[in-house]
Amino acid sequence: MSNDEEHAPYARSGAPRIGEILIAQGHLTSEQLEKALSLQEERRRQGVRRTLGEICVEEGWCEMRQIAEAMRIQQERIFNATALGQVLIDVGALTLGQLREALQQHHDTSTPLATFLVERGYCTEQQVSAATEIQQIRRVAAARQQTASLYNPFNIMESLTNELLDDVIAECRGCTCDVCRSNVFAIALNNLPTRYMTDHSRLVLVAQRTRDEYGALIRRKIADAVEHVKRNPRPQCRRLERKR
């Protein structure tokens, strides 16, 4: 994989909307998207709430499985777009070239990326602090996106685990490469209870309540997962690759 391909998410800002993804996949036409948006606005004025995905399914333009796949792609790209490095690029604190250089150096350390960037002089503490606040705002907004259905089941524990993941990995001096991070995330979630909710309008309230109740448990399970990954690193671990 080339350097450009590996860090491709940082080359663009933001994430495409569901309609854009459906068009790119050949499931929807531009004309149908325009019609769906018009219907959505018309129903909104009538007091009826419908998401774009719901309208496309109701009109027979898409199947629900296609909407679900578009949601998965959107969520993945939203995560890439809300990575700290991308936010720093968006606010003008870093260039793409500087971020690529920093990421290459960062693979050999267990220092949190934010701390590393300040210590190496890539950014100031104020820039990182501001970018971190923007990152959290974007991720909350992304979590509240109502893309396929206003009542699509949502695992609030997954959101809260992702929220605490990087801090705990840093505290435990775990590897921060994407391979190890993903493994820690998966192991922690497998050892946590699921807490699904369907009413997205209550997401922020339920998140705060769940954070208060399960925050300490989530941190413990992430820490356990970090230690497990330390003892059993995957061959694809970026840090191991650079040592070979």
C-alpha atoms as a PDB file:
ATOM      1  CA  MET A   1       0.000   0.000   0.000  1.00  0.00           C
ATOM      2  CA  SER A   2       1.377   3.401  -0.903  1.00  0.00           C
ATOM      3  CA  ASN A   3       1.669   6.235   1.601  1.00  0.00           C
ATOM      4  CA  ASP A   4      -1.071   8.133  -0.218  1.00  0.00           C
ATOM      5  CA  GLU A   5      -3.435   5.155  -0.031  1.00  0.00           C
ATOM      6  CA  GLU A   6      -2.706   4.425   3.623  1.00  0.00           C
ATOM      7  CA  HIS A   7      -3.600   7.942   4.705  1.00  0.00           C
ATOM      8  CA  ALA A   8      -6.271   8.575   2.091  1.00  0.00           C
ATOM      9  CA  PRO A   9      -8.946   9.513   4.689  1.00  0.00           C
ATOM     10  CA  TYR A  10      -6.877  12.565   5.647  1.00  0.00           C
ATOM     11  CA  ALA A  11      -6.934  13.854   2.083  1.00  0.00           C
ATOM     12  CA  ARG A  12     -10.533  14.892   2.314  1.00  0.00           C
ATOM     13  CA  SER A  13     -12.739  16.619   4.831  1.00  0.00           C
ATOM     14  CA  GLY A  14     -16.185  15.506   5.860  1.00  0.00           C
ATOM     15  CA  ALA A  15     -18.089  12.382   4.875  1.00  0.00           C
ATOM     16  CA  PRO A  16     -20.591  11.839   2.066  1.00  0.00           C
ATOM     17  CA  ARG A  17     -24.289  11.778   2.739  1.00  0.00           C
ATOM     18  CA  ILE A  18     -26.352   8.626   2.367  1.00  0.00           C
ATOM     19  CA  GLY A  19     -27.774   9.835  -0.937  1.00  0.00           C
ATOM     20  CA  GLU A  20     -24.292  10.365  -2.390  1.00  0.00           C
ATOM     21  CA  ILE A  21     -23.227   6.872  -1.349  1.00  0.00           C
ATOM     22  CA  LEU A  22     -26.365   5.280  -2.829  1.00  0.00           C
ATOM     23  CA  ILE A  23     -25.737   7.077  -6.135  1.00  0.00           C
ATOM     24  CA  ALA A  24     -22.083   5.999  -6.157  1.00  0.00           C
ATOM     25  CA  GLN A  25     -23.153   2.385  -5.603  1.00  0.00           C
ATOM     26  CA  GLY A  26     -25.687   2.552  -8.424  1.00  0.00           C
ATOM     27  CA  HIS A  27     -28.712   2.068  -6.159  1.00  0.00           C
ATOM     28  CA  LEU A  28     -30.168   5.537  -6.710  1.00  0.00           C
ATOM     29  CA  THR A  29     -30.193   8.129  -9.496  1.00  0.00           C
ATOM     30  CA  SER A  30     -29.638  11.858  -9.096  1.00  0.00           C
ATOM     31  CA  GLU A  31     -33.237  12.457 -10.161  1.00  0.00           C
ATOM     32  CA  GLN A  32     -34.539  10.051  -7.509  1.00  0.00           C
ATOM     33  CA  LEU A  33     -32.391  11.721  -4.864  1.00  0.00           C
ATOM     34  CA  GLU A  34     -33.797  15.132  -5.736  1.00  0.00           C
ATOM     35  CA  LYS A  35     -37.318  13.729  -5.598  1.00  0.00           C
ATOM     36  CA  ALA A  36     -36.622  12.039  -2.246  1.00  0.00           C
ATOM     37  CA  LEU A  37     -35.320  15.292  -0.760  1.00  0.00           C
ATOM     38  CA  SER A  38     -38.411  17.135  -2.017  1.00  0.00           C
ATOM     39  CA  LEU A  39     -40.685  14.495  -0.497  1.00  0.00           C
ATOM     40  CA  GLN A  40     -38.751  14.690   2.767  1.00  0.00           C
ATOM     41  CA  GLU A  41     -39.220  18.462   2.936  1.00  0.00           C
ATOM     42  CA  GLU A  42     -42.889  18.208   1.960  1.00  0.00           C
ATOM     43  CA  ARG A  43     -43.578  15.690   4.707  1.00  0.00           C
ATOM     44  CA  ARG A  44     -41.606  17.739   7.207  1.00  0.00           C
ATOM     45  CA  ARG A  45     -43.937  20.673   6.547  1.00  0.00           C
ATOM     46  CA  GLN A  46     -46.849  18.308   7.168  1.00  0.00           C
ATOM     47  CA  GLY A  47     -45.362  17.311  10.509  1.00  0.00           C
ATOM     48  CA  VAL A  48     -44.312  13.832   9.324  1.00  0.00           C
ATOM     49  CA  ARG A  49     -40.706  12.871  10.039  1.00  0.00           C
ATOM     50  CA  ARG A  50     -39.052  10.622   7.453  1.00  0.00           C
ATOM     51  CA  THR A  51     -35.388   9.968   6.757  1.00  0.00           C
ATOM     52  CA  LEU A  52     -33.990   9.805   3.254  1.00  0.00           C
ATOM     53  CA  GLY A  53     -33.489   6.059   3.584  1.00  0.00           C
ATOM     54  CA  GLU A  54     -37.087   5.492   4.642  1.00  0.00           C
ATOM     55  CA  ILE A  55     -38.397   7.505   1.697  1.00  0.00           C
ATOM     56  CA  CYS A  56     -36.218   5.652  -0.819  1.00  0.00           C
ATOM     57  CA  VAL A  57     -37.487   2.316   0.480  1.00  0.00           C
ATOM     58  CA  GLU A  58     -41.118   3.508   0.541  1.00  0.00           C
ATOM     59  CA  GLU A  59     -40.841   4.690  -3.079  1.00  0.00           C
ATOM     60  CA  GLY A  60     -39.331   1.359  -4.149  1.00  0.00           C
ATOM     61  CA  TRP A  61     -36.038   2.880  -5.307  1.00  0.00           C
ATOM     62  CA  CYS A  62     -33.822   1.023  -2.809  1.00  0.00           C
ATOM     63  CA  GLU A  63     -33.913  -2.007  -0.544  1.00  0.00           C
ATOM     64  CA  MET A  64     -33.341  -1.711   3.192  1.00  0.00           C
ATOM     65  CA  ARG A  65     -30.181  -3.822   2.977  1.00  0.00           C
ATOM     66  CA  GLN A  66     -28.740  -1.273   0.535  1.00  0.00           C
ATOM     67  CA  ILE A  67     -29.551   1.539   2.951  1.00  0.00           C
ATOM     68  CA  ALA A  68     -27.898  -0.415   5.779  1.00  0.00           C
ATOM     69  CA  GLU A  69     -24.731  -0.911   3.712  1.00  0.00           C
ATOM     70  CA  ALA A  70     -24.658   2.789   2.840  1.00  0.00           C
ATOM     71  CA  MET A  71     -24.960   3.558   6.561  1.00  0.00           C
ATOM     72  CA  ARG A  72     -21.978   1.329   7.310  1.00  0.00           C
ATOM     73  CA  ILE A  73     -19.880   3.097   4.687  1.00  0.00           C
ATOM     74  CA  GLN A  74     -20.997   6.492   5.980  1.00  0.00           C
ATOM     75  CA  GLN A  75     -20.115   5.645   9.582  1.00  0.00           C
ATOM     76  CA  GLU A  76     -16.671   4.439   8.542  1.00  0.00           C
ATOM     77  CA  ARG A  77     -15.996   7.650   6.627  1.00  0.00           C
ATOM     78  CA  ILE A  78     -17.384   9.785   9.432  1.00  0.00           C
ATOM     79  CA  PHE A  79     -14.889   8.159  11.795  1.00  0.00           C
ATOM     80  CA  ASN A  80     -12.065   8.917   9.361  1.00  0.00           C
ATOM     81  CA  ALA A  81     -13.260  12.505   8.970  1.00  0.00           C
ATOM     82  CA  THR A  82     -13.375  13.015  12.745  1.00  0.00           C
ATOM     83  CA  ALA A  83      -9.901  11.646  13.418  1.00  0.00           C
ATOM     84  CA  LEU A  84      -7.796  14.220  15.264  1.00  0.00           C
ATOM     85  CA  GLY A  85      -5.386  14.563  12.363  1.00  0.00           C
ATOM     86  CA  GLN A  86      -8.194  15.362   9.929  1.00  0.00           C
ATOM     87  CA  VAL A  87      -9.630  17.991  12.274  1.00  0.00           C
ATOM     88  CA  LEU A  88      -6.218  19.624  12.628  1.00  0.00           C
ATOM     89  CA  ILE A  89      -5.972  19.788   8.833  1.00  0.00           C
ATOM     90  CA  ASP A  90      -9.476  21.256   8.631  1.00  0.00           C
ATOM     91  CA  VAL A  91      -8.627  24.077  11.052  1.00  0.00           C
ATOM     92  CA  GLY A  92      -5.338  24.826   9.288  1.00  0.00           C
ATOM     93  CA  ALA A  93      -3.056  23.672  12.107  1.00  0.00           C
ATOM     94  CA  LEU A  94      -1.417  20.965   9.963  1.00  0.00           C
ATOM     95  CA  THR A  95      -0.850  20.219   6.303  1.00  0.00           C
ATOM     96  CA  LEU A  96      -1.477  16.765   4.873  1.00  0.00           C
ATOM     97  CA  GLY A  97       2.250  16.330   4.346  1.00  0.00           C
ATOM     98  CA  GLN A  98       3.027  17.222   7.960  1.00  0.00           C
ATOM     99  CA  LEU A  99       0.414  14.787   9.222  1.00  0.00           C
ATOM    100  CA  ARG A 100       1.789  11.955   7.096  1.00  0.00           C
ATOM    101  CA  GLU A 101       5.286  12.648   8.410  1.00  0.00           C
ATOM    102  CA  ALA A 102       4.040  12.755  12.015  1.00  0.00           C
ATOM    103  CA  LEU A 103       2.061   9.520  11.652  1.00  0.00           C
ATOM    104  CA  GLN A 104       5.112   7.678  10.337  1.00  0.00           C
ATOM    105  CA  GLN A 105       7.137   8.796  13.360  1.00  0.00           C
ATOM    106  CA  HIS A 106       4.259   8.166  15.765  1.00  0.00           C
ATOM    107  CA  HIS A 107       4.067   4.454  14.901  1.00  0.00           C
ATOM    108  CA  ASP A 108       7.207   3.858  16.976  1.00  0.00           C
ATOM    109  CA  THR A 109       5.828   5.405  20.156  1.00  0.00           C
ATOM    110  CA  SER A 110       3.040   4.792  22.648  1.00  0.00           C
ATOM    111  CA  THR A 111       2.580   8.519  23.264  1.00  0.00           C
ATOM    112  CA  PRO A 112      -0.952   9.790  22.508  1.00  0.00           C
ATOM    113  CA  LEU A 113      -1.031  11.461  19.095  1.00  0.00           C
ATOM    114  CA  ALA A 114      -2.147  14.806  20.558  1.00  0.00           C
ATOM    115  CA  THR A 115       0.803  14.869  22.985  1.00  0.00           C
ATOM    116  CA  PHE A 116       3.218  13.703  20.293  1.00  0.00           C
ATOM    117  CA  LEU A 117       2.208  16.488  17.898  1.00  0.00           C
ATOM    118  CA  VAL A 118       2.782  19.146  20.554  1.00  0.00           C
ATOM    119  CA  GLU A 119       6.080  17.666  21.773  1.00  0.00           C
ATOM    120  CA  ARG A 120       7.454  17.490  18.218  1.00  0.00           C
ATOM    121  CA  GLY A 121       6.370  21.043  17.468  1.00  0.00           C
ATOM    122  CA  TYR A 122       3.799  20.228  14.804  1.00  0.00           C
ATOM    123  CA  CYS A 123       1.027  22.021  16.721  1.00  0.00           C
ATOM    124  CA  THR A 124       0.511  24.135  19.799  1.00  0.00           C
ATOM    125  CA  GLU A 125      -1.396  22.952  22.851  1.00  0.00           C
ATOM    126  CA  GLN A 126      -4.109  25.496  22.054  1.00  0.00           C
ATOM    127  CA  GLN A 127      -4.536  24.139  18.528  1.00  0.00           C
ATOM    128  CA  VAL A 128      -4.776  20.548  19.751  1.00  0.00           C
ATOM    129  CA  SER A 129      -7.211  21.525  22.502  1.00  0.00           C
ATOM    130  CA  ALA A 130      -9.466  23.343  20.036  1.00  0.00           C
ATOM    131  CA  ALA A 131      -9.278  20.449  17.559  1.00  0.00           C
ATOM    132  CA  THR A 132     -10.179  17.949  20.296  1.00  0.00           C
ATOM    133  CA  GLU A 133     -13.292  19.940  21.159  1.00  0.00           C
ATOM    134  CA  ILE A 134     -14.297  20.046  17.487  1.00  0.00           C
ATOM    135  CA  GLN A 135     -13.641  16.311  17.215  1.00  0.00           C
ATOM    136  CA  GLN A 136     -16.016  15.552  20.083  1.00  0.00           C
ATOM    137  CA  ILE A 137     -18.709  17.833  18.672  1.00  0.00           C
ATOM    138  CA  ARG A 138     -18.453  16.130  15.275  1.00  0.00           C
ATOM    139  CA  ARG A 139     -18.634  12.657  16.783  1.00  0.00           C
ATOM    140  CA  VAL A 140     -21.688  13.502  18.861  1.00  0.00           C
ATOM    141  CA  ALA A 141     -23.325  14.923  15.759  1.00  0.00           C
ATOM    142  CA  ALA A 142     -22.397  11.813  13.797  1.00  0.00           C
ATOM    143  CA  ALA A 143     -23.858   9.573  16.470  1.00  0.00           C
ATOM    144  CA  ARG A 144     -27.119  11.488  16.299  1.00  0.00           C
ATOM    145  CA  GLN A 145     -27.413  11.230  12.532  1.00  0.00           C
ATOM    146  CA  GLN A 146     -30.722   9.623  11.636  1.00  0.00           C
ATOM    147  CA  THR A 147     -29.896   7.989   8.351  1.00  0.00           C
ATOM    148  CA  ALA A 148     -31.970   4.874   7.717  1.00  0.00           C
ATOM    149  CA  SER A 149     -34.722   5.112  10.292  1.00  0.00           C
ATOM    150  CA  LEU A 150     -35.518   7.429  13.166  1.00  0.00           C
ATOM    151  CA  TYR A 151     -35.826   4.270  15.251  1.00  0.00           C
ATOM    152  CA  ASN A 152     -32.893   2.255  13.946  1.00  0.00           C
ATOM    153  CA  PRO A 153     -31.402   0.338  16.946  1.00  0.00           C
ATOM    154  CA  PHE A 154     -28.257   2.000  18.311  1.00  0.00           C
ATOM    155  CA  ASN A 155     -25.798   0.409  20.773  1.00  0.00           C
ATOM    156  CA  ILE A 156     -24.941   3.240  23.123  1.00  0.00           C
ATOM    157  CA  MET A 157     -22.169   1.139  24.720  1.00  0.00           C
ATOM    158  CA  GLU A 158     -20.291   1.090  21.418  1.00  0.00           C
ATOM    159  CA  SER A 159     -20.384   4.874  21.240  1.00  0.00           C
ATOM    160  CA  LEU A 160     -19.187   5.310  24.831  1.00  0.00           C
ATOM    161  CA  THR A 161     -16.414   2.727  24.415  1.00  0.00           C
ATOM    162  CA  ASN A 162     -15.173   4.559  21.326  1.00  0.00           C
ATOM    163  CA  GLU A 163     -15.299   7.811  23.295  1.00  0.00           C
ATOM    164  CA  LEU A 164     -12.975   6.478  26.028  1.00  0.00           C
ATOM    165  CA  LEU A 165     -10.834   4.160  23.903  1.00  0.00           C
ATOM    166  CA  ASP A 166      -7.909   6.407  22.954  1.00  0.00           C
ATOM    167  CA  ASP A 167      -7.469   7.878  26.432  1.00  0.00           C
ATOM    168  CA  VAL A 168      -7.293   4.441  28.080  1.00  0.00           C
ATOM    169  CA  ILE A 169      -4.928   3.051  25.421  1.00  0.00           C
ATOM    170  CA  ALA A 170      -2.632   6.010  26.092  1.00  0.00           C
ATOM    171  CA  GLU A 171      -2.845   5.552  29.876  1.00  0.00           C
ATOM    172  CA  CYS A 172      -1.947   1.863  29.491  1.00  0.00           C
ATOM    173  CA  ARG A 173       0.837   2.654  26.998  1.00  0.00           C
ATOM    174  CA  GLY A 174      -0.724   0.453  24.378  1.00  0.00           C
ATOM    175  CA  CYS A 175       0.021   0.490  20.665  1.00  0.00           C
ATOM    176  CA  THR A 176      -1.980   3.182  18.883  1.00  0.00           C
ATOM    177  CA  CYS A 177      -1.853   1.743  15.354  1.00  0.00           C
ATOM    178  CA  ASP A 178      -5.200   1.111  13.671  1.00  0.00           C
ATOM    179  CA  VAL A 179      -4.775  -2.687  13.856  1.00  0.00           C
ATOM    180  CA  CYS A 180      -4.236  -2.769  17.624  1.00  0.00           C
ATOM    181  CA  ARG A 181      -6.838  -0.067  18.255  1.00  0.00           C
ATOM    182  CA  SER A 182      -9.469  -2.052  16.377  1.00  0.00           C
ATOM    183  CA  ASN A 183      -8.604  -5.234  18.276  1.00  0.00           C
ATOM    184  CA  VAL A 184      -8.795  -3.459  21.635  1.00  0.00           C
ATOM    185  CA  PHE A 185     -12.153  -1.978  20.625  1.00  0.00           C
ATOM    186  CA  ALA A 186     -13.565  -5.371  19.618  1.00  0.00           C
ATOM    187  CA  ILE A 187     -12.297  -7.227  22.702  1.00  0.00           C
ATOM    188  CA  ALA A 188     -13.643  -4.574  25.067  1.00  0.00           C
ATOM    189  CA  LEU A 189     -17.060  -4.580  23.407  1.00  0.00           C
ATOM    190  CA  ASN A 190     -17.230  -8.385  23.572  1.00  0.00           C
ATOM    191  CA  ASN A 191     -16.798  -8.128  27.343  1.00  0.00           C
ATOM    192  CA  LEU A 192     -19.321  -5.356  27.912  1.00  0.00           C
ATOM    193  CA  PRO A 193     -23.117  -5.595  28.091  1.00  0.00           C
ATOM    194  CA  THR A 194     -24.988  -4.245  25.088  1.00  0.00           C
ATOM    195  CA  ARG A 195     -27.401  -1.379  25.657  1.00  0.00           C
ATOM    196  CA  TYR A 196     -29.514  -0.775  22.584  1.00  0.00           C
ATOM    197  CA  MET A 197     -31.909   2.114  22.228  1.00  0.00           C
ATOM    198  CA  THR A 198     -34.266   3.058  19.403  1.00  0.00           C
ATOM    199  CA  ASP A 199     -35.445   6.604  20.086  1.00  0.00           C
ATOM    200  CA  HIS A 200     -32.596   8.750  18.749  1.00  0.00           C
ATOM    201  CA  SER A 201     -34.187  11.904  20.152  1.00  0.00           C
ATOM    202  CA  ARG A 202     -33.145  10.671  23.631  1.00  0.00           C
ATOM    203  CA  LEU A 203     -29.597   9.747  22.608  1.00  0.00           C
ATOM    204  CA  VAL A 204     -27.749  12.472  24.519  1.00  0.00           C
ATOM    205  CA  LEU A 205     -29.756  11.903  27.710  1.00  0.00           C
ATOM    206  CA  VAL A 206     -29.310   8.122  27.598  1.00  0.00           C
ATOM    207  CA  ALA A 207     -25.603   8.495  26.770  1.00  0.00           C
ATOM    208  CA  GLN A 208     -25.005  10.630  29.862  1.00  0.00           C
ATOM    209  CA  ARG A 209     -26.939   8.254  32.095  1.00  0.00           C
ATOM    210  CA  THR A 210     -25.084   5.232  30.697  1.00  0.00           C
ATOM    211  CA  ARG A 211     -21.752   7.043  30.978  1.00  0.00           C
ATOM    212  CA  ASP A 212     -22.369   7.693  34.679  1.00  0.00           C
ATOM    213  CA  GLU A 213     -23.441   4.108  35.328  1.00  0.00           C
ATOM    214  CA  TYR A 214     -20.939   2.182  33.218  1.00  0.00           C
ATOM    215  CA  GLY A 215     -18.004   4.572  32.705  1.00  0.00           C
ATOM    216  CA  ALA A 216     -15.714   2.869  35.224  1.00  0.00           C
ATOM    217  CA  LEU A 217     -16.573  -0.598  33.877  1.00  0.00           C
ATOM    218  CA  ILE A 218     -15.918   0.479  30.300  1.00  0.00           C
ATOM    219  CA  ARG A 219     -12.500   1.839  31.265  1.00  0.00           C
ATOM    220  CA  ARG A 220     -11.609  -1.431  33.048  1.00  0.00           C
ATOM    221  CA  LYS A 221     -12.635  -3.561  30.083  1.00  0.00           C
ATOM    222  CA  ILE A 222     -10.664  -1.376  27.669  1.00  0.00           C
ATOM    223  CA  ALA A 223      -7.605  -1.597  29.938  1.00  0.00           C
ATOM    224  CA  ASP A 224      -7.944  -5.407  30.075  1.00  0.00           C
ATOM    225  CA  ALA A 225      -8.214  -5.481  26.290  1.00  0.00           C
ATOM    226  CA  VAL A 226      -5.068  -3.346  25.909  1.00  0.00           C
ATOM    227  CA  GLU A 227      -3.088  -5.780  28.056  1.00  0.00           C
ATOM    228  CA  HIS A 228      -4.421  -8.730  26.047  1.00  0.00           C
ATOM    229  CA  VAL A 229      -3.364  -7.095  22.768  1.00  0.00           C
ATOM    230  CA  LYS A 230       0.053  -6.270  24.220  1.00  0.00           C
ATOM    231  CA  ARG A 231       0.562  -9.958  25.027  1.00  0.00           C
ATOM    232  CA  ASN A 232      -0.874 -11.134  21.712  1.00  0.00           C
ATOM    233  CA  PRO A 233      -0.135  -8.545  19.013  1.00  0.00           C
ATOM    234  CA  ARG A 234      -1.376  -9.279  15.511  1.00  0.00           C
ATOM    235  CA  PRO A 235       1.329  -9.793  12.848  1.00  0.00           C
ATOM    236  CA  GLN A 236      -0.192  -6.806  11.011  1.00  0.00           C
ATOM    237  CA  CYS A 237       0.585  -4.448  13.934  1.00  0.00           C
ATOM    238  CA  ARG A 238       2.188  -1.341  12.430  1.00  0.00           C
ATOM    239  CA  ARG A 239       4.746  -1.084  15.216  1.00  0.00           C
ATOM    240  CA  LEU A 240       5.872  -4.683  14.682  1.00  0.00           C
ATOM    241  CA  GLU A 241       6.067  -4.139  10.924  1.00  0.00           C
ATOM    242  CA  ARG A 242       8.451  -1.216  11.390  1.00  0.00           C
ATOM    243  CA  LYS A 243      10.681  -3.261  13.709  1.00  0.00           C
ATOM    244  CA  ARG A 244      11.012  -6.131  11.225  1.00  0.00           C
END
